[in-house]
């Protein structure tokens, strides 16, 4: 499973794995209430099921909700 932020054909971000071993997603319009996902597959399912939602991505750890590609396909 591969989740990436792609801009102008270049990968510029990947989901940030936190010290608890999970990924942090957020609902649309909310940057403070995390939805913790235990795997990239869970992140992908969450992002697909919740339009406008986002995931915290490296390198800066910001919430990204646009230009997300899951296994090479636009979300």
C-alpha atoms as a PDB file:
ATOM      1  CA  UNK A   1       0.000   0.000   0.000  1.00  0.00           C
ATOM      2  CA  UNK A   2       1.352   3.377  -1.013  1.00  0.00           C
ATOM      3  CA  UNK A   3      -0.154   6.752  -0.117  1.00  0.00           C
ATOM      4  CA  UNK A   4       1.553   9.862  -1.445  1.00  0.00           C
ATOM      5  CA  UNK A   5       0.979  13.537  -2.049  1.00  0.00           C
ATOM      6  CA  UNK A   6       1.925  14.276  -5.653  1.00  0.00           C
ATOM      7  CA  UNK A   7       2.347  17.759  -7.114  1.00  0.00           C
ATOM      8  CA  UNK A   8       3.513  18.355 -10.680  1.00  0.00           C
ATOM      9  CA  UNK A   9       4.358  14.664 -11.002  1.00  0.00           C
ATOM     10  CA  UNK A  10       6.665  14.672  -7.959  1.00  0.00           C
ATOM     11  CA  UNK A  11       6.079  12.927  -4.645  1.00  0.00           C
ATOM     12  CA  UNK A  12       6.235  15.629  -1.982  1.00  0.00           C
ATOM     13  CA  UNK A  13       4.739  13.844   1.015  1.00  0.00           C
ATOM     14  CA  UNK A  14       3.976  10.519   2.647  1.00  0.00           C
ATOM     15  CA  UNK A  15       1.882   9.731   5.741  1.00  0.00           C
ATOM     16  CA  UNK A  16       3.646  10.407   9.025  1.00  0.00           C
ATOM     17  CA  UNK A  17       3.993   7.421  11.346  1.00  0.00           C
ATOM     18  CA  UNK A  18       3.762   8.567  14.969  1.00  0.00           C
ATOM     19  CA  UNK A  19       5.584   7.142  17.992  1.00  0.00           C
ATOM     20  CA  UNK A  20       2.484   5.117  18.900  1.00  0.00           C
ATOM     21  CA  UNK A  21       2.869   3.239  15.600  1.00  0.00           C
ATOM     22  CA  UNK A  22      -0.229   4.816  14.054  1.00  0.00           C
ATOM     23  CA  UNK A  23      -1.152   7.392  11.424  1.00  0.00           C
ATOM     24  CA  UNK A  24      -3.224  10.483  12.227  1.00  0.00           C
ATOM     25  CA  UNK A  25      -6.158  11.399   9.999  1.00  0.00           C
ATOM     26  CA  UNK A  26      -8.627  14.250  10.447  1.00  0.00           C
ATOM     27  CA  UNK A  27     -12.202  14.830   9.284  1.00  0.00           C
ATOM     28  CA  UNK A  28     -12.987  17.546   6.753  1.00  0.00           C
ATOM     29  CA  UNK A  29     -12.687  20.980   8.382  1.00  0.00           C
ATOM     30  CA  UNK A  30     -11.091  19.651  11.589  1.00  0.00           C
ATOM     31  CA  UNK A  31      -7.396  19.775  12.409  1.00  0.00           C
ATOM     32  CA  UNK A  32      -7.644  18.938  16.105  1.00  0.00           C
ATOM     33  CA  UNK A  33      -9.716  15.767  16.440  1.00  0.00           C
ATOM     34  CA  UNK A  34      -7.543  12.856  15.283  1.00  0.00           C
ATOM     35  CA  UNK A  35      -8.758   9.592  13.846  1.00  0.00           C
ATOM     36  CA  UNK A  36      -5.929   7.143  14.498  1.00  0.00           C
ATOM     37  CA  UNK A  37      -5.305   4.447  11.893  1.00  0.00           C
ATOM     38  CA  UNK A  38      -3.154   1.398  12.567  1.00  0.00           C
ATOM     39  CA  UNK A  39      -2.125   0.788   8.948  1.00  0.00           C
ATOM     40  CA  UNK A  40      -1.846   2.478   5.569  1.00  0.00           C
ATOM     41  CA  UNK A  41      -4.777   0.341   4.438  1.00  0.00           C
ATOM     42  CA  UNK A  42      -6.906   1.895   7.202  1.00  0.00           C
ATOM     43  CA  UNK A  43      -5.718   5.364   6.165  1.00  0.00           C
ATOM     44  CA  UNK A  44      -6.681   4.639   2.547  1.00  0.00           C
ATOM     45  CA  UNK A  45     -10.112   3.357   3.576  1.00  0.00           C
ATOM     46  CA  UNK A  46     -10.700   6.431   5.754  1.00  0.00           C
ATOM     47  CA  UNK A  47      -9.613   8.880   3.050  1.00  0.00           C
ATOM     48  CA  UNK A  48     -11.776   7.192   0.412  1.00  0.00           C
ATOM     49  CA  UNK A  49     -14.838   7.069   2.673  1.00  0.00           C
ATOM     50  CA  UNK A  50     -14.530  10.663   3.874  1.00  0.00           C
ATOM     51  CA  UNK A  51     -14.208  13.249   1.101  1.00  0.00           C
ATOM     52  CA  UNK A  52     -12.314  16.319   2.252  1.00  0.00           C
ATOM     53  CA  UNK A  53     -10.622  14.458   5.085  1.00  0.00           C
ATOM     54  CA  UNK A  54      -6.850  14.461   5.393  1.00  0.00           C
ATOM     55  CA  UNK A  55      -3.841  12.705   6.839  1.00  0.00           C
ATOM     56  CA  UNK A  56      -0.772  14.158   8.529  1.00  0.00           C
ATOM     57  CA  UNK A  57       2.178  13.837   6.152  1.00  0.00           C
ATOM     58  CA  UNK A  58       5.922  14.245   6.281  1.00  0.00           C
ATOM     59  CA  UNK A  59       8.050  16.219   5.805  1.00  0.00           C
ATOM     60  CA  UNK A  60       6.303  18.883   7.957  1.00  0.00           C
ATOM     61  CA  UNK A  61       3.554  16.781   9.533  1.00  0.00           C
ATOM     62  CA  UNK A  62       0.758  19.001   8.231  1.00  0.00           C
ATOM     63  CA  UNK A  63      -2.748  17.796   7.428  1.00  0.00           C
ATOM     64  CA  UNK A  64      -2.944  17.074   3.708  1.00  0.00           C
ATOM     65  CA  UNK A  65      -6.300  16.610   2.026  1.00  0.00           C
ATOM     66  CA  UNK A  66      -5.526  17.387  -1.629  1.00  0.00           C
ATOM     67  CA  UNK A  67      -3.348  15.814  -4.311  1.00  0.00           C
ATOM     68  CA  UNK A  68      -3.415  12.451  -2.519  1.00  0.00           C
ATOM     69  CA  UNK A  69      -2.719   9.310  -4.532  1.00  0.00           C
ATOM     70  CA  UNK A  70      -3.406   5.823  -3.234  1.00  0.00           C
ATOM     71  CA  UNK A  71      -1.467   3.106  -5.027  1.00  0.00           C
ATOM     72  CA  UNK A  72      -0.933   5.509  -7.926  1.00  0.00           C
ATOM     73  CA  UNK A  73      -4.589   6.495  -8.355  1.00  0.00           C
ATOM     74  CA  UNK A  74      -5.993   9.869  -7.385  1.00  0.00           C
ATOM     75  CA  UNK A  75      -8.163   9.633  -4.293  1.00  0.00           C
END
